[in-house]
Amino acid sequence: MVSGRSRRAGREVLDSDHDRPAWQLRTDDDANVIVLSGAWIAQQGRVPALPSDGLRQALPDRPIHFDTAALGRWDTALVGFLWQVKQLAARDHLAIQADTLPDSARKLLDLLPESAPAPAAPHRRAFAPVTALGGRTLDGLTEIGTMTELGVEAARGGLAALAGRGRMRMTDLMDNIRDAGPSALLIVSVVNFLVGAILAFVGAVQLRRFAADIYVASLVGIAMVREMSAVMTAIIMAGRTGGAYAARIATMQGNEEIDALTVFGIPVSSYLILPSILGLVATMPFLYLYGCLIGMLGGFAVSISMLAVTGPGYLHQTLNAVALNQFEFGFAKSIAFAILIGLTSCRIGLRAGRSAADVGVAATRAVVVGIVGVIAVDAIFAVIATTIGI
């Protein structure tokens, strides 16, 4: 006695065999007929292949017809098979009569060529270093000119805003100030505190040999005020705020919001770029001063715990070592870093493509360019400080 489960399994096997796709070439009555049967579904993975000599038994000078009486469901698997038939028929100089095929399959078959296109030859670049150098130079000069023009337009928008004729919205400016300032205090605090502590620890190891523990305060104070606070804060803002600016503008570029602003006659420099730059310019100097204080606090913590230095002595030595012009120099440096990060990030966002992947590329590029630019500008400021004797 056969159980109901066995009978159902047998029917499933029979149905599966009945739906299995198959093809056969018949040459009855002086005609070439390809009989198609079963379900031609690509996901089932049972589509039969057509060998290169699949039409060797076809009658010459006779067109190829199709018998689709037993054809079941089909998708692109059938279209791919028909294209192979078409290519072999063109090679053997046989015509195809596709009247009996389903309308959709026949229309798709008519769109396909009789032979697959040849793969394109790989492009080989000729060795032309002078041409490549010239192209890179021209591209760099063009980008510098575009950045300069963008900065001039933003400066004009800022002057117009001071005169009460600008198109910059104060809400946008305040949002950028909040994002670039208070929201960044935590990471600025952590990084500058650790940098100050590291400077104090490294200095303590060397100065302790000469019984000059108190000069750790001078080392930390001068290093933080002159270099480390401004540079580390700028690097943080390049990675945090600069990448956000580039990603935001790149997203607007992909959503065609930039095109909409241009159509409505709203200048992008005043509407997007100026608030971003002013937000950084307004917050970076204060973040620099805050970073100096936190860095000195990190050095103070290490000195008190490791060296024979008192709190009043550390404070007195720091005040005597750090002159006011050092703060002025770092203040000017932080403003230059802010303008650099704002301009480069917005420019990279405007140059981005319109896909989702281009947003990530723009953000990454803005971070890299911002960090490298900060280091390069800091080197220029170091040369200037040496020249003028600061």
Protein backbone atom coordinates (compact mmCIF):
# COMPACT_ATOMS: atom_id res chain seq x y z
CA MET A 1 0.00 0.00 0.00
CA VAL A 2 1.44 3.34 -1.06
CA SER A 3 1.08 6.23 1.37
CA GLY A 4 -0.30 9.65 0.40
CA ARG A 5 3.10 11.25 0.97
CA SER A 6 4.73 8.84 -1.49
CA ARG A 7 2.04 9.55 -4.11
CA ARG A 8 2.57 13.32 -3.71
CA ALA A 9 6.33 12.90 -4.02
CA GLY A 10 5.83 10.84 -7.18
CA ARG A 11 3.59 13.51 -8.69
CA GLU A 12 6.16 16.21 -7.85
CA VAL A 13 8.85 14.22 -9.62
CA LEU A 14 6.64 13.72 -12.65
CA ASP A 15 5.70 17.39 -12.71
CA SER A 16 9.36 18.34 -12.37
CA ASP A 17 10.28 16.10 -15.29
CA HIS A 18 7.39 17.48 -17.31
CA ASP A 19 8.51 21.08 -16.70
CA ARG A 20 12.14 20.37 -17.52
CA PRO A 21 13.15 22.60 -20.47
CA ALA A 22 14.19 20.79 -23.63
CA TRP A 23 14.71 21.46 -27.31
CA GLN A 24 14.88 19.21 -30.36
CA LEU A 25 15.68 19.84 -34.03
CA ARG A 26 13.36 18.12 -36.53
CA THR A 27 13.79 18.10 -40.27
CA ASP A 28 10.41 16.66 -41.28
CA ASP A 29 8.77 17.61 -44.60
CA ASP A 30 11.84 19.44 -45.82
CA ALA A 31 11.67 21.97 -42.97
CA ASN A 32 13.87 22.79 -39.98
CA VAL A 33 11.76 22.90 -36.84
CA ILE A 34 13.09 23.46 -33.32
CA VAL A 35 10.63 22.03 -30.82
CA LEU A 36 10.62 23.84 -27.47
CA SER A 37 9.07 22.26 -24.41
CA GLY A 38 9.03 22.71 -20.65
CA ALA A 39 9.56 25.77 -18.48
CA TRP A 40 12.56 27.91 -19.42
CA ILE A 41 13.28 29.62 -16.11
CA ALA A 42 16.79 30.90 -15.44
CA GLN A 43 16.61 30.55 -11.63
CA GLN A 44 15.93 26.81 -11.88
CA GLY A 45 19.37 26.27 -13.39
CA ARG A 46 18.23 23.50 -15.77
CA VAL A 47 18.39 25.40 -19.06
CA PRO A 48 19.92 23.15 -21.74
CA ALA A 49 22.94 24.41 -23.61
CA LEU A 50 23.15 24.79 -27.38
CA PRO A 51 26.42 23.36 -28.68
CA SER A 52 28.34 25.05 -31.45
CA ASP A 53 27.31 22.26 -33.87
CA GLY A 54 23.71 22.17 -32.71
CA LEU A 55 22.40 22.97 -36.22
CA ARG A 56 24.63 20.57 -38.16
CA GLN A 57 21.63 18.37 -39.07
CA ALA A 58 19.60 21.31 -40.35
CA LEU A 59 18.64 21.28 -44.03
CA PRO A 60 20.50 23.89 -46.06
CA ASP A 61 18.57 26.72 -47.67
CA ARG A 62 15.59 26.04 -45.42
CA PRO A 63 14.46 28.50 -42.72
CA ILE A 64 14.25 27.54 -39.09
CA HIS A 65 10.81 27.44 -37.52
CA PHE A 66 9.83 27.00 -33.88
CA ASP A 67 7.22 24.71 -32.37
CA THR A 68 6.06 26.18 -29.05
CA ALA A 69 2.98 24.02 -28.46
CA ALA A 70 4.60 22.39 -25.42
CA LEU A 71 6.37 25.55 -24.19
CA GLY A 72 5.57 26.47 -20.59
CA ARG A 73 6.69 29.42 -18.56
CA TRP A 74 9.76 31.30 -19.76
CA ASP A 75 11.97 34.25 -18.98
CA THR A 76 15.36 35.50 -20.13
CA ALA A 77 16.65 31.92 -20.29
CA LEU A 78 14.55 31.31 -23.40
CA VAL A 79 15.66 34.61 -24.94
CA GLY A 80 19.30 33.68 -24.38
CA PHE A 81 18.77 30.31 -26.04
CA LEU A 82 17.02 31.93 -29.00
CA TRP A 83 19.92 34.34 -29.39
CA GLN A 84 22.33 31.42 -29.58
CA VAL A 85 20.11 29.86 -32.28
CA LYS A 86 20.14 33.15 -34.16
CA GLN A 87 23.92 33.39 -34.06
CA LEU A 88 24.41 29.80 -35.25
CA ALA A 89 21.82 30.29 -38.00
CA ALA A 90 23.62 33.43 -39.21
CA ARG A 91 26.89 31.52 -39.26
CA ASP A 92 25.34 28.68 -41.32
CA HIS A 93 23.41 31.11 -43.58
CA LEU A 94 20.01 29.95 -42.40
CA ALA A 95 16.98 32.23 -42.05
CA ILE A 96 14.78 32.29 -38.94
CA GLN A 97 10.99 32.39 -38.96
CA ALA A 98 9.94 33.54 -35.47
CA ASP A 99 6.20 33.91 -36.13
CA THR A 100 5.27 31.05 -33.81
CA LEU A 101 7.26 32.44 -30.85
CA PRO A 102 5.53 34.45 -28.12
CA ASP A 103 5.25 38.11 -29.04
CA SER A 104 7.54 39.30 -26.26
CA ALA A 105 10.21 36.75 -27.08
CA ARG A 106 9.99 37.55 -30.79
CA LYS A 107 10.38 41.29 -30.19
CA LEU A 108 13.38 40.74 -27.93
CA LEU A 109 14.94 38.38 -30.46
CA ASP A 110 14.56 40.98 -33.21
CA LEU A 111 16.50 43.48 -31.10
CA LEU A 112 19.47 41.16 -30.65
CA PRO A 113 22.30 41.20 -33.23
CA GLU A 114 23.27 38.18 -35.29
CA SER A 115 26.69 38.06 -33.65
CA ALA A 116 27.98 39.02 -30.24
CA PRO A 117 30.05 42.21 -30.24
CA ALA A 118 33.77 41.71 -29.94
CA PRO A 119 35.28 42.79 -26.62
CA ALA A 120 36.97 46.15 -26.74
CA ALA A 121 40.73 46.09 -26.83
CA PRO A 122 42.36 47.32 -23.63
CA HIS A 123 43.46 50.91 -23.83
CA ARG A 124 47.19 51.24 -23.54
CA ARG A 125 48.52 54.53 -22.37
CA ALA A 126 51.55 55.78 -24.17
CA PHE A 127 54.54 56.73 -22.08
CA ALA A 128 54.41 60.52 -22.20
CA PRO A 129 55.65 61.95 -18.90
CA VAL A 130 55.86 65.52 -20.20
CA THR A 131 52.26 65.40 -21.42
CA ALA A 132 51.06 63.90 -18.16
CA LEU A 133 52.96 66.51 -16.12
CA GLY A 134 51.55 69.30 -18.25
CA GLY A 135 48.02 67.97 -17.90
CA ARG A 136 48.34 67.66 -14.14
CA THR A 137 49.79 71.17 -13.94
CA LEU A 138 46.96 72.67 -15.98
CA ASP A 139 44.38 70.81 -13.91
CA GLY A 140 45.99 72.06 -10.71
CA LEU A 141 46.09 75.66 -11.91
CA THR A 142 42.46 75.43 -13.04
CA GLU A 143 41.43 74.09 -9.64
CA ILE A 144 43.36 76.83 -7.86
CA GLY A 145 41.61 79.44 -10.01
CA THR A 146 38.21 77.90 -9.29
CA MET A 147 38.93 77.81 -5.55
CA THR A 148 40.07 81.43 -5.64
CA GLU A 149 36.94 82.48 -7.49
CA LEU A 150 34.80 80.55 -5.00
CA GLY A 151 36.55 82.24 -2.09
CA VAL A 152 36.13 85.69 -3.64
CA GLU A 153 32.41 85.07 -4.19
CA ALA A 154 32.03 83.92 -0.60
CA ALA A 155 33.90 87.02 0.63
CA ARG A 156 31.63 89.27 -1.41
CA GLY A 157 28.63 87.50 0.03
CA GLY A 158 29.99 88.07 3.52
CA LEU A 159 30.50 91.79 2.89
CA ALA A 160 27.00 92.02 1.44
CA ALA A 161 25.63 90.25 4.51
CA LEU A 162 27.36 92.80 6.78
CA ALA A 163 25.78 95.58 4.74
CA GLY A 164 22.35 93.98 5.09
CA ARG A 165 22.10 93.01 1.42
CA GLY A 166 23.25 89.41 1.58
CA ARG A 167 21.27 86.27 0.90
CA MET A 168 22.75 84.27 3.74
CA ARG A 169 20.20 83.09 6.29
CA MET A 170 21.15 83.54 9.92
CA THR A 171 19.55 80.22 10.80
CA ASP A 172 21.99 78.44 8.49
CA LEU A 173 24.91 80.30 10.05
CA MET A 174 23.82 79.45 13.59
CA ASP A 175 23.33 75.79 12.67
CA ASN A 176 26.84 75.63 11.25
CA ILE A 177 28.29 77.37 14.31
CA ARG A 178 26.54 74.91 16.62
CA ASP A 179 27.71 71.90 14.61
CA ALA A 180 31.30 73.13 14.30
CA GLY A 181 31.59 74.52 17.83
CA PRO A 182 29.74 73.10 20.84
CA SER A 183 29.18 69.74 19.20
CA ALA A 184 32.94 69.30 18.73
CA LEU A 185 34.01 70.19 22.27
CA LEU A 186 34.15 66.59 23.50
CA ILE A 187 36.49 65.24 20.84
CA VAL A 188 38.62 68.40 20.94
CA SER A 189 38.94 67.99 24.70
CA VAL A 190 39.93 64.33 24.55
CA VAL A 191 42.50 64.75 21.78
CA ASN A 192 44.19 67.88 23.15
CA PHE A 193 44.26 66.52 26.71
CA LEU A 194 46.00 63.37 25.50
CA VAL A 195 48.43 65.36 23.33
CA GLY A 196 49.36 67.57 26.29
CA ALA A 197 49.80 64.52 28.50
CA ILE A 198 52.01 62.81 25.90
CA LEU A 199 54.19 65.92 25.53
CA ALA A 200 54.60 66.12 29.30
CA PHE A 201 55.43 62.44 29.59
CA VAL A 202 58.04 62.56 26.80
CA GLY A 203 59.54 65.74 28.20
CA ALA A 204 59.61 64.38 31.71
CA VAL A 205 61.65 61.36 30.67
CA GLN A 206 64.39 63.58 29.26
CA LEU A 207 64.28 66.60 31.57
CA ARG A 208 64.32 64.47 34.72
CA ARG A 209 67.91 63.47 33.90
CA PHE A 210 69.01 67.10 34.26
CA ALA A 211 66.82 67.90 37.30
CA ALA A 212 64.84 70.29 35.12
CA ASP A 213 61.38 68.96 35.88
CA ILE A 214 59.82 72.40 36.04
CA TYR A 215 60.60 73.06 32.38
CA VAL A 216 58.02 70.46 31.39
CA ALA A 217 55.47 73.24 31.88
CA SER A 218 57.34 75.42 29.38
CA LEU A 219 57.56 72.55 26.90
CA VAL A 220 53.86 71.74 27.05
CA GLY A 221 52.76 75.38 27.03
CA ILE A 222 54.87 76.47 24.05
CA ALA A 223 54.15 73.31 22.05
CA MET A 224 50.40 73.51 22.58
CA VAL A 225 50.08 77.24 21.95
CA ARG A 226 52.46 77.43 19.01
CA GLU A 227 51.71 74.20 17.13
CA MET A 228 49.85 71.27 18.55
CA SER A 229 46.54 72.81 19.62
CA ALA A 230 45.95 74.61 16.34
CA VAL A 231 47.07 71.66 14.18
CA MET A 232 45.25 68.94 16.12
CA THR A 233 42.05 70.98 16.34
CA ALA A 234 42.22 71.67 12.60
CA ILE A 235 42.76 67.98 11.82
CA ILE A 236 39.77 67.10 14.00
CA MET A 237 37.60 69.64 12.22
CA ALA A 238 38.81 68.47 8.81
CA GLY A 239 37.79 64.91 9.62
CA ARG A 240 34.58 65.78 11.43
CA THR A 241 33.16 68.97 9.93
CA GLY A 242 34.92 69.08 6.57
CA GLY A 243 33.79 65.58 5.67
CA ALA A 244 30.25 66.45 6.75
CA TYR A 245 30.24 69.55 4.54
CA ALA A 246 31.42 67.58 1.51
CA ALA A 247 28.91 64.78 2.10
CA ARG A 248 26.04 67.22 2.57
CA ILE A 249 26.75 69.18 -0.62
CA ALA A 250 27.41 65.96 -2.57
CA THR A 251 24.04 64.62 -1.43
CA MET A 252 22.37 67.83 -2.57
CA GLN A 253 24.17 67.45 -5.88
CA GLY A 254 22.81 63.94 -6.29
CA ASN A 255 19.29 65.06 -5.37
CA GLU A 256 19.53 67.91 -7.92
CA GLU A 257 19.04 70.50 -5.17
CA ILE A 258 22.07 72.45 -6.41
CA ASP A 259 20.50 72.59 -9.87
CA ALA A 260 17.27 73.83 -8.32
CA LEU A 261 19.10 76.65 -6.51
CA THR A 262 20.78 77.64 -9.78
CA VAL A 263 17.47 77.65 -11.64
CA PHE A 264 15.88 79.90 -9.01
CA GLY A 265 18.83 82.29 -9.20
CA ILE A 266 20.06 81.63 -5.66
CA PRO A 267 23.87 81.82 -5.54
CA VAL A 268 25.37 78.69 -4.07
CA SER A 269 28.30 80.65 -2.65
CA SER A 270 26.03 82.76 -0.44
CA TYR A 271 23.47 80.08 0.38
CA LEU A 272 25.72 77.11 1.16
CA ILE A 273 29.41 77.94 1.15
CA LEU A 274 29.44 81.22 3.08
CA PRO A 275 27.60 79.89 6.19
CA SER A 276 29.88 76.86 6.25
CA ILE A 277 33.08 78.92 6.09
CA LEU A 278 31.85 81.51 8.57
CA GLY A 279 30.77 78.77 10.95
CA LEU A 280 34.32 77.40 11.00
CA VAL A 281 35.95 80.84 11.13
CA ALA A 282 33.80 81.81 14.10
CA THR A 283 34.47 78.65 16.09
CA MET A 284 38.02 77.56 15.24
CA PRO A 285 39.83 80.33 17.19
CA PHE A 286 37.81 79.57 20.33
CA LEU A 287 38.37 75.86 19.87
CA TYR A 288 42.08 76.61 19.53
CA LEU A 289 42.14 78.53 22.81
CA TYR A 290 40.09 75.82 24.46
CA GLY A 291 42.48 73.18 23.11
CA CYS A 292 45.45 75.09 24.52
CA LEU A 293 43.86 75.15 27.97
CA ILE A 294 42.94 71.45 27.87
CA GLY A 295 46.39 70.49 26.57
CA MET A 296 48.08 72.38 29.41
CA LEU A 297 45.71 70.66 31.82
CA GLY A 298 46.84 67.28 30.44
CA GLY A 299 50.48 68.25 30.93
CA PHE A 300 49.66 69.49 34.43
CA ALA A 301 48.08 66.16 35.34
CA VAL A 302 51.16 64.21 34.19
CA SER A 303 53.59 66.62 35.87
CA ILE A 304 51.81 66.54 39.21
CA SER A 305 51.63 62.74 39.21
CA MET A 306 55.14 61.96 37.92
CA LEU A 307 57.40 64.91 38.72
CA ALA A 308 58.30 66.95 41.75
CA VAL A 309 56.30 69.93 40.48
CA THR A 310 53.70 71.86 42.44
CA GLY A 311 50.55 73.34 41.01
CA PRO A 312 51.47 77.01 41.57
CA GLY A 313 54.95 76.36 40.22
CA TYR A 314 53.58 74.75 37.06
CA LEU A 315 51.20 77.67 36.50
CA HIS A 316 53.91 80.28 37.13
CA GLN A 317 56.34 78.58 34.74
CA THR A 318 53.66 78.32 32.03
CA LEU A 319 52.78 82.02 32.28
CA ASN A 320 56.43 83.03 32.06
CA ALA A 321 57.20 80.73 29.10
CA VAL A 322 54.27 81.48 26.81
CA ALA A 323 54.26 85.00 25.39
CA LEU A 324 51.18 86.78 24.11
CA ASN A 325 52.44 86.84 20.50
CA GLN A 326 52.41 83.05 20.51
CA PHE A 327 48.65 83.15 21.06
CA GLU A 328 48.28 85.73 18.31
CA PHE A 329 50.22 83.54 15.91
CA GLY A 330 48.14 80.47 16.76
CA PHE A 331 44.95 82.52 16.53
CA ALA A 332 45.80 83.63 12.98
CA LYS A 333 46.81 80.10 12.08
CA SER A 334 43.46 78.68 13.23
CA ILE A 335 41.56 81.18 11.08
CA ALA A 336 43.61 80.19 8.03
CA PHE A 337 42.92 76.52 8.76
CA ALA A 338 39.19 77.25 9.03
CA ILE A 339 39.08 78.99 5.65
CA LEU A 340 41.09 76.19 4.04
CA ILE A 341 38.88 73.41 5.42
CA GLY A 342 35.65 75.20 4.55
CA LEU A 343 36.65 76.07 0.98
CA THR A 344 38.16 72.71 0.07
CA SER A 345 35.32 70.69 1.59
CA CYS A 346 32.61 72.70 -0.19
CA ARG A 347 34.50 72.60 -3.48
CA ILE A 348 34.93 68.82 -3.29
CA GLY A 349 31.22 68.46 -2.53
CA LEU A 350 30.33 70.56 -5.57
CA ARG A 351 32.59 68.43 -7.79
CA ALA A 352 31.06 65.15 -6.62
CA GLY A 353 29.02 62.91 -8.87
CA ARG A 354 25.35 62.16 -8.53
CA SER A 355 25.41 58.62 -7.16
CA ALA A 356 25.37 57.37 -3.58
CA ALA A 357 28.93 56.08 -3.90
CA ASP A 358 30.13 59.54 -4.92
CA VAL A 359 28.96 60.92 -1.57
CA GLY A 360 31.34 58.63 0.29
CA VAL A 361 34.14 59.41 -2.16
CA ALA A 362 33.61 63.14 -1.67
CA ALA A 363 33.65 62.82 2.13
CA THR A 364 36.84 60.74 2.08
CA ARG A 365 38.53 63.11 -0.34
CA ALA A 366 37.56 66.13 1.76
CA VAL A 367 39.09 64.57 4.87
CA VAL A 368 42.33 63.66 3.08
CA VAL A 369 42.69 67.03 1.36
CA GLY A 370 41.84 68.87 4.57
CA ILE A 371 44.44 67.02 6.66
CA VAL A 372 47.18 67.35 4.04
CA GLY A 373 46.29 71.01 3.50
CA VAL A 374 46.46 71.74 7.22
CA ILE A 375 49.94 70.23 7.47
CA ALA A 376 51.10 72.12 4.37
CA VAL A 377 49.74 75.46 5.61
CA ASP A 378 51.28 74.84 9.02
CA ALA A 379 54.66 74.36 7.34
CA ILE A 380 54.19 77.70 5.57
CA PHE A 381 53.36 79.37 8.88
CA ALA A 382 56.48 77.82 10.43
CA VAL A 383 58.62 79.41 7.72
CA ILE A 384 56.87 82.75 8.23
CA ALA A 385 57.39 82.58 12.00
CA THR A 386 61.09 81.88 11.53
CA THR A 387 61.40 84.72 9.06
CA ILE A 388 59.75 87.34 11.24
CA GLY A 389 61.36 85.99 14.41
CA ILE A 390 58.36 84.84 16.43
